[in-house]
Amino acid sequence: KKTNIDMMQFYNYLSKITLDPKILICSFSGSVIRSACQMCQSYNDDFEDYLQYFCAEKENCCAIYSMDKKFPNLKIPVKRYGEIDI
């Protein structure tokens, strides 16, 4: 279970990374939604994770940042929010 301190650190981190020009915030499209739906139906997994993954794939991202330790291990590496310096 996350504590309020953990979440406050995470919110602070998110606020900082939005100012970094190297960080891309991706949008999603119909094809991204369809891909996420197909994966969820095939693997009975978290829709939000697949949505994030296919958005990153569409935008040619080199990494996905997630606090979710169960995030699907596909082609794009998953990193935790504490793994980069801002």
N, C-alpha and C. Protein backbone atom coordinates (compact mmCIF):
# COMPACT_ATOMS: atom_id res chain seq x y z
N LYS A 1 0.84 -1.19 0.00
CA LYS A 1 0.00 0.00 0.00
C LYS A 1 0.88 1.25 0.00
N LYS A 2 0.54 2.19 -0.85
CA LYS A 2 1.30 3.44 -0.94
C LYS A 2 0.92 4.37 0.22
N THR A 3 1.91 5.04 0.78
CA THR A 3 1.64 6.03 1.81
C THR A 3 1.46 7.39 1.16
N ASN A 4 0.94 8.33 1.91
CA ASN A 4 0.76 9.69 1.39
C ASN A 4 2.10 10.31 1.01
N ILE A 5 3.16 9.97 1.77
CA ILE A 5 4.49 10.50 1.46
C ILE A 5 4.96 9.97 0.11
N ASP A 6 4.78 8.67 -0.14
CA ASP A 6 5.15 8.09 -1.43
C ASP A 6 4.43 8.80 -2.57
N MET A 7 3.14 9.01 -2.38
CA MET A 7 2.34 9.63 -3.44
C MET A 7 2.74 11.09 -3.63
N MET A 8 3.04 11.80 -2.56
CA MET A 8 3.46 13.20 -2.69
C MET A 8 4.79 13.28 -3.44
N GLN A 9 5.71 12.34 -3.16
CA GLN A 9 6.97 12.31 -3.89
C GLN A 9 6.72 12.02 -5.37
N PHE A 10 5.80 11.13 -5.64
CA PHE A 10 5.47 10.79 -7.02
C PHE A 10 4.85 11.99 -7.74
N TYR A 11 3.92 12.69 -7.10
CA TYR A 11 3.31 13.87 -7.72
C TYR A 11 4.36 14.95 -7.99
N ASN A 12 5.29 15.12 -7.07
CA ASN A 12 6.37 16.08 -7.25
C ASN A 12 7.23 15.68 -8.44
N TYR A 13 7.53 14.40 -8.54
CA TYR A 13 8.30 13.87 -9.66
C TYR A 13 7.58 14.13 -10.99
N LEU A 14 6.28 13.83 -11.04
CA LEU A 14 5.52 14.06 -12.27
C LEU A 14 5.53 15.53 -12.67
N SER A 15 5.37 16.39 -11.69
CA SER A 15 5.39 17.83 -11.98
C SER A 15 6.73 18.25 -12.59
N LYS A 16 7.82 17.70 -12.07
CA LYS A 16 9.15 18.05 -12.58
C LYS A 16 9.38 17.51 -13.99
N ILE A 17 8.98 16.27 -14.26
CA ILE A 17 9.30 15.71 -15.57
C ILE A 17 8.53 16.38 -16.70
N THR A 18 7.38 16.98 -16.39
CA THR A 18 6.63 17.67 -17.45
C THR A 18 7.37 18.90 -17.94
N LEU A 19 8.34 19.38 -17.19
CA LEU A 19 9.14 20.54 -17.59
C LEU A 19 10.38 20.14 -18.40
N ASP A 20 10.71 18.87 -18.40
CA ASP A 20 11.90 18.38 -19.10
C ASP A 20 11.58 18.22 -20.59
N PRO A 21 12.29 18.93 -21.48
CA PRO A 21 11.99 18.84 -22.91
C PRO A 21 12.27 17.46 -23.52
N LYS A 22 13.02 16.61 -22.82
CA LYS A 22 13.31 15.26 -23.33
C LYS A 22 12.16 14.29 -23.04
N ILE A 23 11.23 14.69 -22.17
CA ILE A 23 10.11 13.83 -21.81
C ILE A 23 8.93 14.14 -22.72
N LEU A 24 8.38 13.09 -23.34
CA LEU A 24 7.24 13.23 -24.24
C LEU A 24 6.00 12.66 -23.58
N ILE A 25 4.95 13.47 -23.49
CA ILE A 25 3.66 13.01 -22.98
C ILE A 25 2.83 12.63 -24.19
N CYS A 26 2.49 11.36 -24.32
CA CYS A 26 1.85 10.82 -25.52
C CYS A 26 0.33 10.85 -25.43
N SER A 27 -0.29 11.04 -26.58
CA SER A 27 -1.74 10.93 -26.67
C SER A 27 -2.07 9.58 -27.30
N PHE A 28 -3.34 9.19 -27.26
CA PHE A 28 -3.68 7.91 -27.87
C PHE A 28 -4.72 8.07 -28.96
N SER A 29 -4.84 7.04 -29.78
CA SER A 29 -5.71 7.06 -30.95
C SER A 29 -6.58 5.80 -30.95
N GLY A 30 -7.44 5.71 -31.94
CA GLY A 30 -8.28 4.53 -32.08
C GLY A 30 -7.48 3.26 -32.23
N SER A 31 -6.40 3.31 -33.01
CA SER A 31 -5.58 2.10 -33.21
C SER A 31 -4.90 1.68 -31.91
N VAL A 32 -4.50 2.65 -31.10
CA VAL A 32 -3.89 2.35 -29.80
C VAL A 32 -4.92 1.67 -28.89
N ILE A 33 -6.14 2.18 -28.89
CA ILE A 33 -7.20 1.59 -28.07
C ILE A 33 -7.50 0.17 -28.53
N ARG A 34 -7.59 -0.05 -29.84
CA ARG A 34 -7.86 -1.39 -30.37
C ARG A 34 -6.74 -2.37 -29.99
N SER A 35 -5.50 -1.93 -30.11
CA SER A 35 -4.37 -2.80 -29.73
C SER A 35 -4.43 -3.16 -28.25
N ALA A 36 -4.72 -2.17 -27.42
CA ALA A 36 -4.83 -2.42 -25.98
C ALA A 36 -5.97 -3.39 -25.69
N CYS A 37 -7.09 -3.22 -26.36
CA CYS A 37 -8.24 -4.13 -26.17
C CYS A 37 -7.87 -5.56 -26.56
N GLN A 38 -7.18 -5.71 -27.68
CA GLN A 38 -6.79 -7.05 -28.14
C GLN A 38 -5.88 -7.74 -27.12
N MET A 39 -4.92 -7.01 -26.59
CA MET A 39 -3.99 -7.59 -25.61
C MET A 39 -4.74 -7.96 -24.32
N CYS A 40 -5.64 -7.09 -23.90
CA CYS A 40 -6.41 -7.38 -22.68
C CYS A 40 -7.27 -8.62 -22.85
N GLN A 41 -7.87 -8.75 -24.01
CA GLN A 41 -8.70 -9.93 -24.28
C GLN A 41 -7.84 -11.20 -24.34
N SER A 42 -6.66 -11.08 -24.91
CA SER A 42 -5.78 -12.25 -25.04
C SER A 42 -5.16 -12.67 -23.71
N TYR A 43 -4.77 -11.70 -22.89
CA TYR A 43 -4.02 -12.01 -21.68
C TYR A 43 -4.75 -11.67 -20.38
N ASN A 44 -5.96 -11.13 -20.49
CA ASN A 44 -6.76 -10.78 -19.31
C ASN A 44 -5.94 -9.92 -18.34
N ASP A 45 -5.33 -8.87 -18.89
CA ASP A 45 -4.44 -8.00 -18.12
C ASP A 45 -5.04 -6.60 -17.98
N ASP A 46 -4.25 -5.69 -17.43
CA ASP A 46 -4.66 -4.33 -17.13
C ASP A 46 -4.74 -3.47 -18.40
N PHE A 47 -5.93 -3.00 -18.72
CA PHE A 47 -6.15 -2.20 -19.93
C PHE A 47 -5.30 -0.93 -19.92
N GLU A 48 -5.24 -0.26 -18.79
CA GLU A 48 -4.47 0.99 -18.69
C GLU A 48 -2.99 0.78 -19.02
N ASP A 49 -2.43 -0.33 -18.57
CA ASP A 49 -1.02 -0.63 -18.86
C ASP A 49 -0.79 -0.79 -20.36
N TYR A 50 -1.68 -1.54 -21.01
CA TYR A 50 -1.53 -1.73 -22.45
C TYR A 50 -1.77 -0.44 -23.22
N LEU A 51 -2.68 0.38 -22.74
CA LEU A 51 -2.91 1.68 -23.37
C LEU A 51 -1.63 2.51 -23.31
N GLN A 52 -1.01 2.53 -22.14
CA GLN A 52 0.25 3.26 -21.98
C GLN A 52 1.33 2.67 -22.89
N TYR A 53 1.41 1.36 -22.94
CA TYR A 53 2.43 0.71 -23.76
C TYR A 53 2.26 1.07 -25.24
N PHE A 54 1.05 0.94 -25.78
CA PHE A 54 0.85 1.18 -27.21
C PHE A 54 0.95 2.66 -27.57
N CYS A 55 0.66 3.55 -26.63
CA CYS A 55 0.92 4.98 -26.85
C CYS A 55 2.43 5.20 -27.00
N ALA A 56 3.19 4.59 -26.12
CA ALA A 56 4.65 4.71 -26.17
C ALA A 56 5.21 4.12 -27.45
N GLU A 57 4.67 2.99 -27.87
CA GLU A 57 5.12 2.35 -29.10
C GLU A 57 4.82 3.25 -30.31
N LYS A 58 3.62 3.82 -30.34
CA LYS A 58 3.22 4.71 -31.44
C LYS A 58 4.16 5.92 -31.55
N GLU A 59 4.63 6.40 -30.42
CA GLU A 59 5.48 7.59 -30.39
C GLU A 59 6.97 7.25 -30.42
N ASN A 60 7.31 5.96 -30.60
CA ASN A 60 8.71 5.51 -30.63
C ASN A 60 9.49 5.88 -29.37
N CYS A 61 8.85 5.72 -28.23
CA CYS A 61 9.51 6.03 -26.95
C CYS A 61 10.58 4.98 -26.64
N CYS A 62 11.60 5.41 -25.94
CA CYS A 62 12.69 4.49 -25.59
C CYS A 62 12.49 3.86 -24.21
N ALA A 63 11.52 4.35 -23.43
CA ALA A 63 11.24 3.78 -22.11
C ALA A 63 9.85 4.19 -21.67
N ILE A 64 9.30 3.40 -20.76
CA ILE A 64 8.02 3.70 -20.12
C ILE A 64 8.30 3.82 -18.63
N TYR A 65 7.81 4.87 -18.00
CA TYR A 65 7.99 5.06 -16.57
C TYR A 65 6.69 4.70 -15.87
N SER A 66 6.76 3.75 -14.96
CA SER A 66 5.58 3.26 -14.26
C SER A 66 5.95 2.83 -12.85
N MET A 67 5.04 3.02 -11.93
CA MET A 67 5.22 2.52 -10.56
C MET A 67 4.69 1.10 -10.45
N ASP A 68 4.00 0.63 -11.47
CA ASP A 68 3.35 -0.68 -11.46
C ASP A 68 4.38 -1.79 -11.67
N LYS A 69 4.63 -2.58 -10.64
CA LYS A 69 5.61 -3.66 -10.74
C LYS A 69 5.11 -4.82 -11.60
N LYS A 70 3.82 -4.82 -11.92
CA LYS A 70 3.25 -5.87 -12.77
C LYS A 70 3.07 -5.38 -14.21
N PHE A 71 3.67 -4.26 -14.55
CA PHE A 71 3.53 -3.71 -15.90
C PHE A 71 4.04 -4.75 -16.90
N PRO A 72 3.32 -4.95 -18.00
CA PRO A 72 3.72 -5.98 -18.98
C PRO A 72 5.15 -5.77 -19.49
N ASN A 73 5.90 -6.83 -19.55
CA ASN A 73 7.27 -6.79 -20.04
C ASN A 73 7.26 -7.10 -21.53
N LEU A 74 7.17 -6.07 -22.35
CA LEU A 74 7.12 -6.23 -23.80
C LEU A 74 8.43 -5.71 -24.39
N LYS A 75 8.39 -5.04 -25.52
CA LYS A 75 9.62 -4.60 -26.19
C LYS A 75 10.23 -3.34 -25.58
N ILE A 76 9.41 -2.42 -25.09
CA ILE A 76 9.91 -1.16 -24.55
C ILE A 76 10.25 -1.35 -23.08
N PRO A 77 11.47 -0.98 -22.65
CA PRO A 77 11.84 -1.16 -21.25
C PRO A 77 10.98 -0.32 -20.30
N VAL A 78 10.68 -0.88 -19.14
CA VAL A 78 9.90 -0.20 -18.11
C VAL A 78 10.85 0.23 -17.01
N LYS A 79 10.77 1.50 -16.63
CA LYS A 79 11.62 2.04 -15.56
C LYS A 79 10.74 2.60 -14.46
N ARG A 80 11.26 2.61 -13.26
CA ARG A 80 10.55 3.17 -12.11
C ARG A 80 10.84 4.66 -12.03
N TYR A 81 9.95 5.41 -11.42
CA TYR A 81 10.09 6.87 -11.42
C TYR A 81 11.34 7.36 -10.73
N GLY A 82 11.95 6.60 -9.87
CA GLY A 82 13.16 7.02 -9.19
C GLY A 82 14.44 6.73 -9.96
N GLU A 83 14.33 6.19 -11.17
CA GLU A 83 15.51 5.76 -11.91
C GLU A 83 16.16 6.83 -12.77
N ILE A 84 15.60 8.04 -12.80
CA ILE A 84 16.25 9.12 -13.54
C ILE A 84 16.40 10.33 -12.64
N ASP A 85 17.36 11.15 -12.95
CA ASP A 85 17.57 12.39 -12.20
C ASP A 85 16.98 13.55 -12.99
N ILE A 86 16.21 14.36 -12.32
CA ILE A 86 15.61 15.54 -12.95
C ILE A 86 16.26 16.77 -12.36
